[in-house]
PDB file of N, CA and C in Angstrom:
ATOM      1  N   MET A   1     -34.556  58.430  -7.634  1.00  0.00           N
ATOM      2  CA  MET A   1     -34.791  57.665  -6.426  1.00  0.00           C
ATOM      3  C   MET A   1     -36.249  57.207  -6.419  1.00  0.00           C
ATOM      4  N   LYS A   2     -36.417  55.906  -6.203  1.00  0.00           N
ATOM      5  CA  LYS A   2     -37.749  55.319  -6.125  1.00  0.00           C
ATOM      6  C   LYS A   2     -37.808  54.381  -4.930  1.00  0.00           C
ATOM      7  N   TYR A   3     -39.007  54.092  -4.504  1.00  0.00           N
ATOM      8  CA  TYR A   3     -39.232  53.178  -3.392  1.00  0.00           C
ATOM      9  C   TYR A   3     -39.794  51.862  -3.925  1.00  0.00           C
ATOM     10  N   PHE A   4     -39.228  50.751  -3.445  1.00  0.00           N
ATOM     11  CA  PHE A   4     -39.637  49.425  -3.887  1.00  0.00           C
ATOM     12  C   PHE A   4     -39.919  48.536  -2.691  1.00  0.00           C
ATOM     13  N   ILE A   5     -40.807  47.584  -2.898  1.00  0.00           N
ATOM     14  CA  ILE A   5     -41.097  46.576  -1.885  1.00  0.00           C
ATOM     15  C   ILE A   5     -40.728  45.225  -2.471  1.00  0.00           C
ATOM     16  N   GLY A   6     -39.820  44.545  -1.790  1.00  0.00           N
ATOM     17  CA  GLY A   6     -39.414  43.210  -2.191  1.00  0.00           C
ATOM     18  C   GLY A   6     -39.994  42.194  -1.222  1.00  0.00           C
ATOM     19  N   GLU A   7     -40.246  41.009  -1.729  1.00  0.00           N
ATOM     20  CA  GLU A   7     -40.771  39.944  -0.869  1.00  0.00           C
ATOM     21  C   GLU A   7     -40.058  38.639  -1.201  1.00  0.00           C
ATOM     22  N   TYR A   8     -39.479  38.034  -0.162  1.00  0.00           N
ATOM     23  CA  TYR A   8     -38.903  36.701  -0.278  1.00  0.00           C
ATOM     24  C   TYR A   8     -39.969  35.695   0.113  1.00  0.00           C
ATOM     25  N   SER A   9     -39.951  34.541  -0.541  1.00  0.00           N
ATOM     26  CA  SER A   9     -40.892  33.474  -0.224  1.00  0.00           C
ATOM     27  C   SER A   9     -40.216  32.130  -0.461  1.00  0.00           C
ATOM     28  N   ASN A  10     -40.648  31.132   0.319  1.00  0.00           N
ATOM     29  CA  ASN A  10     -40.135  29.779   0.108  1.00  0.00           C
ATOM     30  C   ASN A  10     -41.266  28.760  -0.015  1.00  0.00           C
ATOM     31  N   GLY A  11     -42.492  29.232  -0.097  1.00  0.00           N
ATOM     32  CA  GLY A  11     -43.627  28.339  -0.251  1.00  0.00           C
ATOM     33  C   GLY A  11     -44.221  27.847   1.055  1.00  0.00           C
ATOM     34  N   TYR A  12     -43.597  28.171   2.179  1.00  0.00           N
ATOM     35  CA  TYR A  12     -44.115  27.761   3.480  1.00  0.00           C
ATOM     36  C   TYR A  12     -44.857  28.930   4.119  1.00  0.00           C
ATOM     37  N   CYS A  13     -45.986  28.641   4.703  1.00  0.00           N
ATOM     38  CA  CYS A  13     -46.809  29.655   5.356  1.00  0.00           C
ATOM     39  C   CYS A  13     -46.030  30.304   6.498  1.00  0.00           C
ATOM     40  N   GLY A  14     -46.073  31.621   6.570  1.00  0.00           N
ATOM     41  CA  GLY A  14     -45.451  32.359   7.660  1.00  0.00           C
ATOM     42  C   GLY A  14     -43.966  32.623   7.482  1.00  0.00           C
ATOM     43  N   CYS A  15     -43.407  32.271   6.349  1.00  0.00           N
ATOM     44  CA  CYS A  15     -41.965  32.453   6.128  1.00  0.00           C
ATOM     45  C   CYS A  15     -41.631  33.597   5.184  1.00  0.00           C
ATOM     46  N   ASP A  16     -42.630  34.291   4.679  1.00  0.00           N
ATOM     47  CA  ASP A  16     -42.361  35.398   3.758  1.00  0.00           C
ATOM     48  C   ASP A  16     -41.678  36.537   4.509  1.00  0.00           C
ATOM     49  N   GLU A  17     -40.767  37.209   3.826  1.00  0.00           N
ATOM     50  CA  GLU A  17     -40.086  38.373   4.396  1.00  0.00           C
ATOM     51  C   GLU A  17     -40.230  39.538   3.443  1.00  0.00           C
ATOM     52  N   ILE A  18     -40.558  40.692   3.990  1.00  0.00           N
ATOM     53  CA  ILE A  18     -40.715  41.917   3.215  1.00  0.00           C
ATOM     54  C   ILE A  18     -39.460  42.777   3.389  1.00  0.00           C
ATOM     55  N   VAL A  19     -38.979  43.340   2.291  1.00  0.00           N
ATOM     56  CA  VAL A  19     -37.828  44.232   2.315  1.00  0.00           C
ATOM     57  C   VAL A  19     -38.246  45.549   1.670  1.00  0.00           C
ATOM     58  N   LEU A  20     -38.089  46.636   2.395  1.00  0.00           N
ATOM     59  CA  LEU A  20     -38.424  47.972   1.901  1.00  0.00           C
ATOM     60  C   LEU A  20     -37.140  48.629   1.415  1.00  0.00           C
ATOM     61  N   MET A  21     -37.115  49.035   0.148  1.00  0.00           N
ATOM     62  CA  MET A  21     -35.871  49.519  -0.458  1.00  0.00           C
ATOM     63  C   MET A  21     -36.037  50.855  -1.158  1.00  0.00           C
ATOM     64  N   ILE A  22     -34.952  51.607  -1.153  1.00  0.00           N
ATOM     65  CA  ILE A  22     -34.820  52.814  -1.968  1.00  0.00           C
ATOM     66  C   ILE A  22     -33.769  52.481  -3.015  1.00  0.00           C
ATOM     67  N   ALA A  23     -34.125  52.622  -4.281  1.00  0.00           N
ATOM     68  CA  ALA A  23     -33.203  52.313  -5.380  1.00  0.00           C
ATOM     69  C   ALA A  23     -33.446  53.288  -6.523  1.00  0.00           C
ATOM     70  N   ASP A  24     -32.487  53.355  -7.406  1.00  0.00           N
ATOM     71  CA  ASP A  24     -32.652  54.201  -8.585  1.00  0.00           C
ATOM     72  C   ASP A  24     -33.510  53.524  -9.638  1.00  0.00           C
ATOM     73  N   THR A  25     -33.392  52.186  -9.740  1.00  0.00           N
ATOM     74  CA  THR A  25     -34.140  51.436 -10.746  1.00  0.00           C
ATOM     75  C   THR A  25     -34.662  50.138 -10.150  1.00  0.00           C
ATOM     76  N   GLU A  26     -35.630  49.544 -10.814  1.00  0.00           N
ATOM     77  CA  GLU A  26     -36.146  48.248 -10.383  1.00  0.00           C
ATOM     78  C   GLU A  26     -35.057  47.180 -10.494  1.00  0.00           C
ATOM     79  N   GLU A  27     -34.213  47.294 -11.497  1.00  0.00           N
ATOM     80  CA  GLU A  27     -33.117  46.334 -11.671  1.00  0.00           C
ATOM     81  C   GLU A  27     -32.158  46.378 -10.482  1.00  0.00           C
ATOM     82  N   GLN A  28     -31.912  47.560  -9.967  1.00  0.00           N
ATOM     83  CA  GLN A  28     -31.048  47.717  -8.796  1.00  0.00           C
ATOM     84  C   GLN A  28     -31.687  47.058  -7.577  1.00  0.00           C
ATOM     85  N   ALA A  29     -32.981  47.232  -7.400  1.00  0.00           N
ATOM     86  CA  ALA A  29     -33.696  46.595  -6.296  1.00  0.00           C
ATOM     87  C   ALA A  29     -33.693  45.079  -6.456  1.00  0.00           C
ATOM     88  N   GLU A  30     -33.870  44.590  -7.686  1.00  0.00           N
ATOM     89  CA  GLU A  30     -33.843  43.149  -7.936  1.00  0.00           C
ATOM     90  C   GLU A  30     -32.463  42.565  -7.657  1.00  0.00           C
ATOM     91  N   ALA A  31     -31.407  43.288  -8.000  1.00  0.00           N
ATOM     92  CA  ALA A  31     -30.047  42.814  -7.741  1.00  0.00           C
ATOM     93  C   ALA A  31     -29.807  42.680  -6.243  1.00  0.00           C
ATOM     94  N   TYR A  32     -30.320  43.632  -5.465  1.00  0.00           N
ATOM     95  CA  TYR A  32     -30.194  43.566  -4.004  1.00  0.00           C
ATOM     96  C   TYR A  32     -30.910  42.329  -3.465  1.00  0.00           C
ATOM     97  N   MET A  33     -32.107  42.083  -3.950  1.00  0.00           N
ATOM     98  CA  MET A  33     -32.872  40.918  -3.502  1.00  0.00           C
ATOM     99  C   MET A  33     -32.161  39.620  -3.910  1.00  0.00           C
ATOM    100  N   GLU A  34     -31.632  39.588  -5.103  1.00  0.00           N
ATOM    101  CA  GLU A  34     -30.912  38.400  -5.599  1.00  0.00           C
ATOM    102  C   GLU A  34     -29.721  38.081  -4.693  1.00  0.00           C
ATOM    103  N   GLU A  35     -29.004  39.116  -4.265  1.00  0.00           N
ATOM    104  CA  GLU A  35     -27.854  38.920  -3.372  1.00  0.00           C
ATOM    105  C   GLU A  35     -28.262  38.280  -2.053  1.00  0.00           C
ATOM    106  N   GLY A  36     -29.443  38.574  -1.565  1.00  0.00           N
ATOM    107  CA  GLY A  36     -29.894  38.051  -0.278  1.00  0.00           C
ATOM    108  C   GLY A  36     -30.699  36.771  -0.370  1.00  0.00           C
ATOM    109  N   LEU A  37     -30.934  36.269  -1.570  1.00  0.00           N
ATOM    110  CA  LEU A  37     -31.815  35.116  -1.754  1.00  0.00           C
ATOM    111  C   LEU A  37     -31.300  33.860  -1.054  1.00  0.00           C
ATOM    112  N   ALA A  38     -30.042  33.526  -1.196  1.00  0.00           N
ATOM    113  CA  ALA A  38     -29.496  32.323  -0.559  1.00  0.00           C
ATOM    114  C   ALA A  38     -29.538  32.453   0.959  1.00  0.00           C
ATOM    115  N   ASP A  39     -29.189  33.633   1.484  1.00  0.00           N
ATOM    116  CA  ASP A  39     -29.248  33.839   2.936  1.00  0.00           C
ATOM    117  C   ASP A  39     -30.663  33.624   3.454  1.00  0.00           C
ATOM    118  N   TYR A  40     -31.636  34.167   2.730  1.00  0.00           N
ATOM    119  CA  TYR A  40     -33.038  33.965   3.117  1.00  0.00           C
ATOM    120  C   TYR A  40     -33.376  32.484   3.115  1.00  0.00           C
ATOM    121  N   GLY A  41     -33.020  31.777   2.056  1.00  0.00           N
ATOM    122  CA  GLY A  41     -33.332  30.348   1.943  1.00  0.00           C
ATOM    123  C   GLY A  41     -32.727  29.535   3.071  1.00  0.00           C
ATOM    124  N   TYR A  42     -31.460  29.814   3.394  1.00  0.00           N
ATOM    125  CA  TYR A  42     -30.800  29.070   4.476  1.00  0.00           C
ATOM    126  C   TYR A  42     -31.364  29.419   5.843  1.00  0.00           C
ATOM    127  N   GLU A  43     -31.894  30.617   5.991  1.00  0.00           N
ATOM    128  CA  GLU A  43     -32.483  31.024   7.271  1.00  0.00           C
ATOM    129  C   GLU A  43     -33.652  30.125   7.659  1.00  0.00           C
ATOM    130  N   TYR A  44     -34.387  29.632   6.674  1.00  0.00           N
ATOM    131  CA  TYR A  44     -35.576  28.820   6.941  1.00  0.00           C
ATOM    132  C   TYR A  44     -35.390  27.336   6.648  1.00  0.00           C
ATOM    133  N   VAL A  45     -34.270  26.943   6.084  1.00  0.00           N
ATOM    134  CA  VAL A  45     -34.082  25.543   5.704  1.00  0.00           C
ATOM    135  C   VAL A  45     -34.079  24.630   6.930  1.00  0.00           C
ATOM    136  N   ASP A  46     -33.652  25.112   8.082  1.00  0.00           N
ATOM    137  CA  ASP A  46     -33.632  24.290   9.297  1.00  0.00           C
ATOM    138  C   ASP A  46     -35.027  23.880   9.746  1.00  0.00           C
ATOM    139  N   GLY A  47     -36.019  24.644   9.396  1.00  0.00           N
ATOM    140  CA  GLY A  47     -37.396  24.339   9.786  1.00  0.00           C
ATOM    141  C   GLY A  47     -38.080  23.356   8.855  1.00  0.00           C
ATOM    142  N   THR A  48     -37.366  22.857   7.867  1.00  0.00           N
ATOM    143  CA  THR A  48     -37.946  21.913   6.915  1.00  0.00           C
ATOM    144  C   THR A  48     -37.400  20.523   7.181  1.00  0.00           C
ATOM    145  N   ASP A  49     -38.091  19.537   6.720  1.00  0.00           N
ATOM    146  CA  ASP A  49     -37.668  18.149   6.915  1.00  0.00           C
ATOM    147  C   ASP A  49     -37.597  17.480   5.547  1.00  0.00           C
ATOM    148  N   PHE A  50     -36.398  17.476   4.973  1.00  0.00           N
ATOM    149  CA  PHE A  50     -36.221  16.886   3.662  1.00  0.00           C
ATOM    150  C   PHE A  50     -36.116  15.370   3.788  1.00  0.00           C
ATOM    151  N   GLU A  51     -37.008  14.669   3.116  1.00  0.00           N
ATOM    152  CA  GLU A  51     -36.972  13.215   3.130  1.00  0.00           C
ATOM    153  C   GLU A  51     -35.913  12.681   2.174  1.00  0.00           C
ATOM    154  N   ASP A  52     -35.625  13.438   1.116  1.00  0.00           N
ATOM    155  CA  ASP A  52     -34.644  13.015   0.124  1.00  0.00           C
ATOM    156  C   ASP A  52     -34.154  14.235  -0.654  1.00  0.00           C
ATOM    157  N   ASP A  53     -33.221  14.007  -1.544  1.00  0.00           N
ATOM    158  CA  ASP A  53     -32.667  15.105  -2.338  1.00  0.00           C
ATOM    159  C   ASP A  53     -33.720  15.790  -3.188  1.00  0.00           C
ATOM    160  N   GLU A  54     -34.701  15.023  -3.670  1.00  0.00           N
ATOM    161  CA  GLU A  54     -35.746  15.603  -4.513  1.00  0.00           C
ATOM    162  C   GLU A  54     -36.560  16.624  -3.728  1.00  0.00           C
ATOM    163  N   THR A  55     -36.864  16.321  -2.482  1.00  0.00           N
ATOM    164  CA  THR A  55     -37.619  17.259  -1.641  1.00  0.00           C
ATOM    165  C   THR A  55     -36.785  18.514  -1.396  1.00  0.00           C
ATOM    166  N   GLY A  56     -35.495  18.340  -1.165  1.00  0.00           N
ATOM    167  CA  GLY A  56     -34.609  19.485  -0.978  1.00  0.00           C
ATOM    168  C   GLY A  56     -34.548  20.348  -2.215  1.00  0.00           C
ATOM    169  N   ASP A  57     -34.479  19.707  -3.372  1.00  0.00           N
ATOM    170  CA  ASP A  57     -34.475  20.462  -4.628  1.00  0.00           C
ATOM    171  C   ASP A  57     -35.765  21.252  -4.799  1.00  0.00           C
ATOM    172  N   LEU A  58     -36.887  20.661  -4.423  1.00  0.00           N
ATOM    173  CA  LEU A  58     -38.177  21.362  -4.508  1.00  0.00           C
ATOM    174  C   LEU A  58     -38.201  22.589  -3.606  1.00  0.00           C
ATOM    175  N   TYR A  59     -37.618  22.452  -2.403  1.00  0.00           N
ATOM    176  CA  TYR A  59     -37.558  23.599  -1.498  1.00  0.00           C
ATOM    177  C   TYR A  59     -36.829  24.756  -2.184  1.00  0.00           C
ATOM    178  N   TRP A  60     -35.647  24.481  -2.726  1.00  0.00           N
ATOM    179  CA  TRP A  60     -34.842  25.544  -3.323  1.00  0.00           C
ATOM    180  C   TRP A  60     -35.481  26.108  -4.581  1.00  0.00           C
ATOM    181  N   GLU A  61     -36.254  25.317  -5.298  1.00  0.00           N
ATOM    182  CA  GLU A  61     -36.981  25.847  -6.457  1.00  0.00           C
ATOM    183  C   GLU A  61     -38.036  26.860  -6.030  1.00  0.00           C
ATOM    184  N   ASN A  62     -38.552  26.706  -4.820  1.00  0.00           N
ATOM    185  CA  ASN A  62     -39.592  27.596  -4.316  1.00  0.00           C
ATOM    186  C   ASN A  62     -39.046  28.794  -3.547  1.00  0.00           C
ATOM    187  N   VAL A  63     -37.734  28.875  -3.374  1.00  0.00           N
ATOM    188  CA  VAL A  63     -37.125  30.043  -2.741  1.00  0.00           C
ATOM    189  C   VAL A  63     -37.006  31.117  -3.816  1.00  0.00           C
ATOM    190  N   THR A  64     -37.890  32.099  -3.733  1.00  0.00           N
ATOM    191  CA  THR A  64     -37.989  33.120  -4.771  1.00  0.00           C
ATOM    192  C   THR A  64     -38.133  34.504  -4.153  1.00  0.00           C
ATOM    193  N   PHE A  65     -38.128  35.495  -5.019  1.00  0.00           N
ATOM    194  CA  PHE A  65     -38.412  36.855  -4.573  1.00  0.00           C
ATOM    195  C   PHE A  65     -39.176  37.586  -5.662  1.00  0.00           C
ATOM    196  N   SER A  66     -39.834  38.643  -5.256  1.00  0.00           N
ATOM    197  CA  SER A  66     -40.501  39.539  -6.195  1.00  0.00           C
ATOM    198  C   SER A  66     -40.218  40.969  -5.760  1.00  0.00           C
ATOM    199  N   VAL A  67     -40.320  41.888  -6.710  1.00  0.00           N
ATOM    200  CA  VAL A  67     -40.086  43.312  -6.444  1.00  0.00           C
ATOM    201  C   VAL A  67     -41.155  44.103  -7.174  1.00  0.00           C
ATOM    202  N   ARG A  68     -41.666  45.124  -6.495  1.00  0.00           N
ATOM    203  CA  ARG A  68     -42.623  46.029  -7.128  1.00  0.00           C
ATOM    204  C   ARG A  68     -42.403  47.425  -6.559  1.00  0.00           C
ATOM    205  N   GLU A  69     -42.842  48.410  -7.304  1.00  0.00           N
ATOM    206  CA  GLU A  69     -42.725  49.785  -6.831  1.00  0.00           C
ATOM    207  C   GLU A  69     -43.774  50.037  -5.748  1.00  0.00           C
ATOM    208  N   ALA A  70     -43.374  50.713  -4.705  1.00  0.00           N
ATOM    209  CA  ALA A  70     -44.276  51.024  -3.597  1.00  0.00           C
ATOM    210  C   ALA A  70     -45.237  52.139  -4.002  1.00  0.00           C
ATOM    211  N   THR A  71     -46.446  52.071  -3.474  1.00  0.00           N
ATOM    212  CA  THR A  71     -47.423  53.132  -3.711  1.00  0.00           C
ATOM    213  C   THR A  71     -47.128  54.307  -2.775  1.00  0.00           C
ATOM    214  N   PRO A  72     -47.597  55.494  -3.098  1.00  0.00           N
ATOM    215  CA  PRO A  72     -47.403  56.637  -2.201  1.00  0.00           C
ATOM    216  C   PRO A  72     -47.953  56.373  -0.794  1.00  0.00           C
ATOM    217  N   GLU A  73     -49.058  55.658  -0.709  1.00  0.00           N
ATOM    218  CA  GLU A  73     -49.645  55.338   0.599  1.00  0.00           C
ATOM    219  C   GLU A  73     -48.729  54.427   1.411  1.00  0.00           C
ATOM    220  N   GLU A  74     -48.111  53.443   0.746  1.00  0.00           N
ATOM    221  CA  GLU A  74     -47.194  52.535   1.441  1.00  0.00           C
ATOM    222  C   GLU A  74     -45.949  53.274   1.919  1.00  0.00           C
ATOM    223  N   ILE A  75     -45.461  54.188   1.097  1.00  0.00           N
ATOM    224  CA  ILE A  75     -44.277  54.966   1.471  1.00  0.00           C
ATOM    225  C   ILE A  75     -44.570  55.802   2.705  1.00  0.00           C
ATOM    226  N   GLU A  76     -45.713  56.442   2.719  1.00  0.00           N
ATOM    227  CA  GLU A  76     -46.079  57.303   3.837  1.00  0.00           C
ATOM    228  C   GLU A  76     -46.355  56.510   5.114  1.00  0.00           C
ATOM    229  N   ARG A  77     -46.892  55.317   4.956  1.00  0.00           N
ATOM    230  CA  ARG A  77     -47.275  54.488   6.111  1.00  0.00           C
ATOM    231  C   ARG A  77     -46.059  53.952   6.874  1.00  0.00           C
ATOM    232  N   GLU A  78     -44.965  53.692   6.167  1.00  0.00           N
ATOM    233  CA  GLU A  78     -43.798  53.084   6.796  1.00  0.00           C
ATOM    234  C   GLU A  78     -42.898  54.133   7.430  1.00  0.00           C
ATOM    235  N   ASP A  79     -42.249  53.740   8.513  1.00  0.00           N
ATOM    236  CA  ASP A  79     -41.272  54.585   9.182  1.00  0.00           C
ATOM    237  C   ASP A  79     -40.101  54.835   8.231  1.00  0.00           C
ATOM    238  N   ALA A  80     -39.600  56.037   8.173  1.00  0.00           N
ATOM    239  CA  ALA A  80     -38.520  56.378   7.260  1.00  0.00           C
ATOM    240  C   ALA A  80     -37.282  55.523   7.493  1.00  0.00           C
ATOM    241  N   ASP A  81     -37.041  55.091   8.722  1.00  0.00           N
ATOM    242  CA  ASP A  81     -35.871  54.261   9.036  1.00  0.00           C
ATOM    243  C   ASP A  81     -36.023  52.823   8.554  1.00  0.00           C
ATOM    244  N   ALA A  82     -37.206  52.415   8.141  1.00  0.00           N
ATOM    245  CA  ALA A  82     -37.439  51.039   7.705  1.00  0.00           C
ATOM    246  C   ALA A  82     -36.939  50.800   6.281  1.00  0.00           C
ATOM    247  N   TRP A  83     -36.720  51.852   5.520  1.00  0.00           N
ATOM    248  CA  TRP A  83     -36.321  51.726   4.119  1.00  0.00           C
ATOM    249  C   TRP A  83     -34.811  51.578   4.017  1.00  0.00           C
ATOM    250  N   VAL A  84     -34.363  50.551   3.317  1.00  0.00           N
ATOM    251  CA  VAL A  84     -32.942  50.287   3.107  1.00  0.00           C
ATOM    252  C   VAL A  84     -32.529  50.937   1.788  1.00  0.00           C
ATOM    253  N   ASP A  85     -31.499  51.772   1.844  1.00  0.00           N
ATOM    254  CA  ASP A  85     -31.001  52.436   0.646  1.00  0.00           C
ATOM    255  C   ASP A  85     -30.028  51.481  -0.052  1.00  0.00           C
ATOM    256  N   VAL A  86     -30.416  50.973  -1.232  1.00  0.00           N
ATOM    257  CA  VAL A  86     -29.591  49.998  -1.950  1.00  0.00           C
ATOM    258  C   VAL A  86     -28.871  50.636  -3.136  1.00  0.00           C
ATOM    259  N   ARG A  87     -28.903  51.953  -3.218  1.00  0.00           N
ATOM    260  CA  ARG A  87     -28.219  52.634  -4.320  1.00  0.00           C
ATOM    261  C   ARG A  87     -26.715  52.585  -4.078  1.00  0.00           C
ATOM    262  N   ASN A  88     -25.988  52.441  -5.141  1.00  0.00           N
ATOM    263  CA  ASN A  88     -24.517  52.386  -5.017  1.00  0.00           C
ATOM    264  C   ASN A  88     -23.900  53.707  -5.363  1.00  0.00           C
TER     265      ASN A  88
END
């Protein structure tokens, strides 16, 4: 069991989302983030103004995520209920 911090981003200021996860491996945490990527992207797409298909394509190219292992300080700082258990 390890603790991971995931972050969704779409390139727009103020739209990043942090996900606190408990997983067995980094790959497991990445799979969880991958599953939620489209939902995250659609959550913020209404706040954008696409002038054409090319602009829309650029938005979706910038909808990304990253995952890293949490430090002991980060684990201790967060409320235990904030961590999502993504182990299967």
